Amino acid sequence: MISENVNEINFKKGLVPAVVVDYATNEVLMLAYVNEESFKKTLESGTTWFFSRSRQKLWNKGETSGHFQYVKEIYVDCDGDTLIFKVDQVGAACHTGNRSCFYRRIL
């Protein structure tokens, strides 16, 4: 069931960052951007849809690779300008083949 908190998402600037987190482990998998259309497609399909800033078009994570992200929960932050998608990840989240895009430690 979709909560009334969905109305708190602020798409006025067009794109909202979405932090994608593994549902079972809470591992951060990736960061991508959603617009209102890709967010609606995510809700309708149950898989993540994003807006590619470089290609200027929508994309469904896993459509090419088969590494789909099945959305279990979505959270919006206190300002309404950032989302967390908690997902069941199939295969790698990163285009490099790594499970997470955040595999290069700095500190």
Foldseek 3Di string as FASTA:
>chain_A
DDDPCVVLADCVVFKAKEFEAAQPPRHTADIAIAGPVQVVVCVVPQWHWGADPVVRGIDTQCPPPVFIWGFDDKDADPNNRYMYTHTNTRFARDPVRHNGPPPDDDD
